[in-house]
Each structure stands twice: as C-alpha cells, then as structure tokens.
C-alpha cells in the first residue's frame, strides 16, 4: 500500500518522485526549492553534510565545505543571516532557500562538565579553549595572580569586563 502511494505521489508530482528515488537529488531551481518545501523537504543546517548543502541551487562545493568546517569547529547557525555571514554574502541572496532551511539548536555539551579550571590553567592551556584569544588567556592568568581565584564565570566576566557573547562561548569549556 505504501509503495503504491509513493508511486501515485511520484506520478502526480515528479519532484516528489525524484526526491524519494534519489536522496542526494540536487534541486535545480528556486521553484524546486519551494516545491520541495511543500513536500516536507528540509535541510537541518546544523547537521548538514557537504552533500546535503550541495542539494541546494546556487551553492558551490567550496561554500558547502566552508559551512561544514565551521559547524565541525563548533559554530551553530541560528538563522539565515548566520549562514549568509559565514558565506560572505547578503542574506537576501539566500532568502529563496529559506523555505527548506531548518535551524535546530544542538547542545554539543550536554551531559559533560567543562574541563578546564580557570583557577589552575596556564595561559597556554587557556589558549587551547575555542574562542579564547591569547591576550585574554594571559589576562585571565594575570588577574587571577593579582586578585586571587575566580568565584565563578560571572566573577571572571565582571573582573575582565568581558562581553556576554564571549562568556557564553567560553562557559562550555571552563569552570572555576
């Protein structure tokens, strides 16, 4: 029965047939993007592979590889503007892809405790933390030597006058 329904659906909508027969089918136009969205096709931008990105019209292999490398480095895309910024294009250029893009959030750190102690780490160890510039690592150590251990991440933020976005990035890797 299911096979018969899929066959009927493919006859009614050729794109549905192509998508069901070839999971890596590359959408050829923005009209196909709109049709694919109506058929329930989505691309989870925070789990997409290079091959997934290449299913969308207008994206080159280099752009797809760049997006995947950023994601593998821990970058999460929260909206179309994030993807556009990563590609170095205006978000208006990607707007026609929006119907099939899905922006799901994944907590890569759930179930694990941050491993590096702010009150014991050297500047070199802190430099290995994603998002930690060398100058900040040195400032963390100097401030700790000068005024004593950090009580928590809020204390670190206050003492070094750090931007909330930076603390949000670092909090997954650091503990007092």
Protein backbone atom coordinates (compact mmCIF):
# COMPACT_ATOMS: atom_id res chain seq x y z
CA UNK A 1 0.00 0.00 0.00
CA UNK A 2 2.79 2.43 0.93
CA UNK A 3 4.70 1.64 -2.27
CA UNK A 4 1.54 2.25 -4.31
CA UNK A 5 1.02 5.62 -2.57
CA UNK A 6 4.64 6.61 -3.30
CA UNK A 7 4.21 5.64 -6.95
CA UNK A 8 0.99 7.64 -7.22
CA UNK A 9 2.60 10.61 -5.49
CA UNK A 10 5.58 10.43 -7.86
CA UNK A 11 3.24 10.45 -10.86
CA UNK A 12 1.33 13.45 -9.56
CA UNK A 13 4.46 15.37 -8.57
CA UNK A 14 7.64 14.47 -10.47
CA UNK A 15 9.81 16.24 -7.89
CA UNK A 16 8.42 14.00 -5.15
CA UNK A 17 9.47 11.02 -7.24
CA UNK A 18 12.97 12.37 -7.79
CA UNK A 19 13.41 13.15 -4.09
CA UNK A 20 12.17 9.73 -2.99
CA UNK A 21 14.29 7.85 -5.54
CA UNK A 22 17.49 9.88 -5.09
CA UNK A 23 18.14 11.21 -1.57
CA UNK A 24 21.03 13.30 -2.90
CA UNK A 25 18.98 14.88 -5.70
CA UNK A 26 20.20 18.43 -6.34
CA UNK A 27 17.37 20.91 -6.58
CA UNK A 28 17.74 22.69 -9.91
CA UNK A 29 15.91 25.91 -9.27
CA UNK A 30 14.37 28.07 -6.59
CA UNK A 31 10.97 26.90 -7.84
CA UNK A 32 12.02 23.35 -6.98
CA UNK A 33 13.11 24.63 -3.56
CA UNK A 34 9.58 25.95 -2.98
CA UNK A 35 8.04 22.68 -4.21
CA UNK A 36 10.41 20.62 -2.07
CA UNK A 37 9.44 22.67 0.98
CA UNK A 38 5.75 21.97 0.30
CA UNK A 39 6.64 18.25 0.10
CA UNK A 40 8.28 18.44 3.52
CA UNK A 41 11.92 18.51 2.41
CA UNK A 42 14.15 20.30 4.90
CA UNK A 43 17.86 20.75 5.40
CA UNK A 44 18.99 20.92 9.03
CA UNK A 45 21.77 23.48 8.71
CA UNK A 46 23.43 22.40 11.95
CA UNK A 47 23.69 18.75 10.88
CA UNK A 48 24.12 19.15 7.12
CA UNK A 49 26.97 17.44 5.29
CA UNK A 50 28.70 18.82 2.20
CA UNK A 51 26.46 16.59 0.08
CA UNK A 52 23.38 17.95 1.86
CA UNK A 53 24.39 21.55 1.15
CA UNK A 54 25.07 20.69 -2.48
CA UNK A 55 21.42 19.72 -2.91
CA UNK A 56 20.59 23.42 -2.87
CA UNK A 57 20.86 25.53 -6.01
CA UNK A 58 23.45 28.27 -6.07
CA UNK A 59 25.89 26.80 -3.55
CA UNK A 60 29.37 25.79 -4.63
CA UNK A 61 31.34 22.91 -3.21
CA UNK A 62 33.73 25.38 -1.55
CA UNK A 63 30.86 27.14 0.16
CA UNK A 64 29.42 23.82 1.32
CA UNK A 65 32.80 22.70 2.63
CA UNK A 66 33.25 26.01 4.45
CA UNK A 67 29.87 25.71 6.17
CA UNK A 68 30.62 22.15 7.26
CA UNK A 69 34.09 23.09 8.55
CA UNK A 70 32.58 25.90 10.62
CA UNK A 71 29.99 23.55 12.04
CA UNK A 72 32.66 20.97 12.87
CA UNK A 73 34.57 23.73 14.67
CA UNK A 74 31.55 24.31 16.91
CA UNK A 75 29.75 27.15 15.13
CA UNK A 76 25.97 26.88 15.23
CA UNK A 77 23.80 28.66 12.72
CA UNK A 78 20.73 30.21 14.32
CA UNK A 79 19.22 31.99 11.33
CA UNK A 80 19.60 32.70 7.63
CA UNK A 81 21.76 35.72 8.42
CA UNK A 82 24.30 33.46 10.17
CA UNK A 83 24.66 31.29 7.08
CA UNK A 84 24.92 34.36 4.86
CA UNK A 85 27.63 35.85 7.07
CA UNK A 86 29.57 32.58 7.02
CA UNK A 87 29.43 32.59 3.22
CA UNK A 88 30.22 36.29 2.95
CA UNK A 89 27.04 37.09 1.04
CA UNK A 90 23.99 39.22 1.71
CA UNK A 91 21.15 37.33 3.36
CA UNK A 92 18.90 38.46 0.51
CA UNK A 93 20.94 36.17 -1.78
CA UNK A 94 19.93 33.17 0.32
CA UNK A 95 16.35 34.20 1.05
CA UNK A 96 14.96 31.90 -1.65
CA UNK A 97 16.50 28.91 0.17
CA UNK A 98 14.76 29.79 3.45
CA UNK A 99 11.70 27.55 2.89
CA UNK A 100 13.83 24.40 3.18
CA UNK A 101 16.35 25.52 5.80
CA UNK A 102 15.78 24.29 9.32
CA UNK A 103 17.65 25.96 12.19
CA UNK A 104 17.69 23.47 15.05
CA UNK A 105 19.84 24.03 18.11
CA UNK A 106 22.00 21.22 19.40
CA UNK A 107 23.72 21.26 22.77
CA UNK A 108 27.03 19.60 21.99
CA UNK A 109 27.99 19.79 25.63
CA UNK A 110 25.01 18.16 27.32
CA UNK A 111 25.97 15.61 29.89
CA UNK A 112 29.55 16.78 30.15
CA UNK A 113 31.13 19.16 32.60
CA UNK A 114 33.54 21.83 31.40
CA UNK A 115 37.02 20.53 31.90
CA UNK A 116 39.47 23.40 32.35
CA UNK A 117 39.76 25.20 35.67
CA UNK A 118 40.07 28.97 35.46
CA UNK A 119 41.91 28.89 38.76
CA UNK A 120 44.54 26.34 37.76
CA UNK A 121 45.04 26.59 33.99
CA UNK A 122 48.12 28.17 32.48
CA UNK A 123 47.86 30.77 29.72
CA UNK A 124 48.95 28.11 27.20
CA UNK A 125 46.17 25.77 28.32
CA UNK A 126 43.61 28.57 28.13
CA UNK A 127 44.73 29.38 24.58
CA UNK A 128 43.56 25.91 23.54
CA UNK A 129 39.98 26.78 24.53
CA UNK A 130 37.84 27.57 21.45
CA UNK A 131 37.13 31.29 21.30
CA UNK A 132 39.93 32.22 23.73
CA UNK A 133 42.31 34.80 22.25
CA UNK A 134 45.91 34.63 23.56
CA UNK A 135 45.67 38.13 25.06
CA UNK A 136 42.60 37.11 27.05
CA UNK A 137 44.26 33.92 28.26
CA UNK A 138 47.15 35.99 29.57
CA UNK A 139 44.75 38.48 31.19
CA UNK A 140 42.88 35.64 32.94
CA UNK A 141 46.12 34.38 34.49
CA UNK A 142 47.39 37.86 35.41
CA UNK A 143 44.09 38.87 37.04
CA UNK A 144 43.99 35.60 38.96
CA UNK A 145 47.57 36.15 40.22
CA UNK A 146 46.82 39.74 41.18
CA UNK A 147 43.40 39.38 42.87
CA UNK A 148 43.01 35.70 43.67
CA UNK A 149 40.87 32.87 42.34
CA UNK A 150 37.69 33.43 40.38
CA UNK A 151 34.49 32.63 42.26
CA UNK A 152 32.61 31.69 39.07
CA UNK A 153 32.22 32.70 35.43
CA UNK A 154 30.25 35.81 36.41
CA UNK A 155 33.25 36.89 38.51
CA UNK A 156 35.52 36.33 35.51
CA UNK A 157 33.19 38.39 33.32
CA UNK A 158 33.00 41.23 35.83
CA UNK A 159 36.72 41.37 36.59
CA UNK A 160 37.83 41.29 32.96
CA UNK A 161 34.80 43.21 31.61
CA UNK A 162 34.03 40.50 29.06
CA UNK A 163 31.19 40.69 26.57
CA UNK A 164 28.28 38.32 27.30
CA UNK A 165 28.71 36.60 23.91
CA UNK A 166 32.31 35.72 24.73
CA UNK A 167 31.38 34.33 28.15
CA UNK A 168 28.59 32.35 26.52
CA UNK A 169 31.15 30.72 24.23
CA UNK A 170 33.71 30.08 26.96
CA UNK A 171 31.31 28.72 29.58
CA UNK A 172 31.22 25.32 27.88
CA UNK A 173 34.95 24.84 28.33
CA UNK A 174 35.75 26.49 31.66
CA UNK A 175 34.90 26.05 35.31
CA UNK A 176 36.08 27.97 38.39
